[in-house]
Amino acid sequence: MYAIIKHSGKQYKVKAGDVLLLDRIEGVEPKETIEIEEVLLVDNDGDVKIGAPVVEGAKVVAEVVNHGRGQKVIIFKKRRRKDSRKKRGFRRDFTRVVIKEIKA
C-alpha cells in the first residue's frame, strides 16, 4: 500500500516505514505525531483511489524524528568578460518524519 501526498507544494510517494525530509514544520517537537490530510492518491494492492483534488477521508500518520538543516547549496552566477560575478548560498531547514500508517 502506498500513497501520494502533497506537502509545501511538493508531492511525495510514501509507504509505511519510509523516512522523509519535509520542509520545516513549526510547532511540533520530536516524537510527536502529525497527520497529513492532502492525500492525492491511494493504492491498496491494485485498488486505486484518485482524488479530485484529494481523496476524501484519507490521511497519512507520521512521527517527527528531528529537525535539522541540509547541506549548503552554492549558487554561482558569472557573466563572462563583464567582470560580474555573484556567489550565494543557503541551507534548507527540514523536518525528518517516519511514515507510520496510511488510513484510506
Protein backbone atom coordinates (compact mmCIF):
# COMPACT_ATOMS: atom_id res chain seq x y z
CA MET A 1 0.00 0.00 0.00
CA TYR A 2 1.32 3.41 -0.93
CA ALA A 3 0.03 6.96 -1.20
CA ILE A 4 0.99 10.18 -2.93
CA ILE A 5 0.84 13.16 -0.60
CA LYS A 6 1.29 16.88 -1.06
CA HIS A 7 3.22 18.98 1.45
CA SER A 8 4.55 22.53 0.96
CA GLY A 9 3.82 22.44 -2.76
CA LYS A 10 5.79 19.22 -3.34
CA GLN A 11 4.49 15.70 -3.93
CA TYR A 12 5.91 12.57 -2.29
CA LYS A 13 5.23 8.87 -2.83
CA VAL A 14 5.13 7.25 0.62
CA LYS A 15 4.51 3.89 2.23
CA ALA A 16 4.64 2.72 5.83
CA GLY A 17 8.16 2.89 7.26
CA ASP A 18 9.53 5.50 4.84
CA VAL A 19 11.70 8.34 6.14
CA LEU A 20 11.04 11.76 4.55
CA LEU A 21 12.72 15.13 4.72
CA LEU A 22 9.89 17.67 4.60
CA ASP A 23 10.18 21.44 4.71
CA ARG A 24 10.41 22.55 8.32
CA ILE A 25 7.14 22.22 10.24
CA GLU A 26 6.93 24.79 13.03
CA GLY A 27 5.32 23.99 16.37
CA VAL A 28 5.98 20.25 16.53
CA GLU A 29 8.51 18.51 18.74
CA PRO A 30 10.35 15.23 18.13
CA LYS A 31 8.29 12.08 18.85
CA GLU A 32 5.02 13.90 18.16
CA THR A 33 2.68 12.54 15.51
CA ILE A 34 1.31 14.63 12.67
CA GLU A 35 -1.47 13.89 10.19
CA ILE A 36 -1.10 14.86 6.56
CA GLU A 37 -4.55 15.16 5.02
CA GLU A 38 -3.61 16.25 1.49
CA VAL A 39 -3.59 12.75 0.02
CA LEU A 40 -3.77 12.81 -3.78
CA LEU A 41 -3.79 9.06 -4.48
CA VAL A 42 -4.03 5.82 -2.51
CA ASP A 43 -3.12 2.40 -3.92
CA ASN A 44 -4.17 -0.57 -1.80
CA ASP A 45 -2.77 -3.56 -3.71
CA GLY A 46 -4.39 -2.66 -7.02
CA ASP A 47 -7.42 -0.84 -5.59
CA VAL A 48 -6.55 2.71 -6.66
CA LYS A 49 -8.39 5.76 -5.35
CA ILE A 50 -7.63 9.01 -7.14
CA GLY A 51 -8.66 12.27 -5.54
CA ALA A 52 -10.22 15.27 -7.21
CA PRO A 53 -8.10 17.05 -5.90
CA VAL A 54 -7.75 15.00 -2.68
CA VAL A 55 -9.05 11.61 -1.56
CA GLU A 56 -11.89 12.14 0.93
CA GLY A 57 -11.28 10.63 4.38
CA ALA A 58 -7.71 9.57 3.62
CA LYS A 59 -4.78 10.67 5.74
CA VAL A 60 -1.19 9.73 6.42
CA VAL A 61 0.05 9.48 10.01
CA ALA A 62 3.73 10.33 10.54
CA GLU A 63 6.02 10.69 13.54
CA VAL A 64 8.51 13.54 13.77
CA VAL A 65 12.08 12.29 14.29
CA ASN A 66 14.02 15.58 14.41
CA HIS A 67 14.60 18.99 12.87
CA GLY A 68 17.77 19.97 11.05
CA ARG A 69 19.48 21.88 8.29
CA GLY A 70 20.63 20.41 4.99
CA GLN A 71 23.98 20.81 3.30
CA LYS A 72 24.88 24.17 1.85
CA VAL A 73 23.87 24.74 -1.77
CA ILE A 74 26.05 27.22 -3.67
CA ILE A 75 24.56 29.44 -6.38
CA PHE A 76 27.27 30.98 -8.54
CA LYS A 77 26.48 33.29 -11.45
CA LYS A 78 29.06 34.76 -13.79
CA ARG A 79 28.80 36.88 -16.89
CA ARG A 80 31.90 36.36 -18.96
CA ARG A 81 34.00 39.32 -19.99
CA LYS A 82 31.84 41.66 -17.87
CA ASP A 83 33.72 41.42 -14.55
CA SER A 84 30.42 40.42 -12.97
CA ARG A 85 30.02 37.51 -10.59
CA LYS A 86 27.72 36.68 -7.74
CA LYS A 87 28.10 33.90 -5.19
CA ARG A 88 25.30 33.00 -2.83
CA GLY A 89 24.37 30.01 -0.74
CA PHE A 90 21.64 28.71 1.51
CA ARG A 91 20.86 25.78 3.76
CA ARG A 92 17.40 24.23 3.72
CA ASP A 93 15.61 23.77 7.07
CA PHE A 94 13.90 20.38 7.24
CA THR A 95 11.82 18.13 9.47
CA ARG A 96 12.61 14.41 9.30
CA VAL A 97 9.49 12.23 9.65
CA VAL A 98 8.78 8.50 9.61
CA ILE A 99 5.53 7.35 7.99
CA LYS A 100 3.62 5.19 10.48
CA GLU A 101 0.44 4.32 8.60
CA ILE A 102 -1.84 5.23 5.72
CA LYS A 103 -5.54 5.49 6.51
CA ALA A 104 -7.84 5.30 3.49
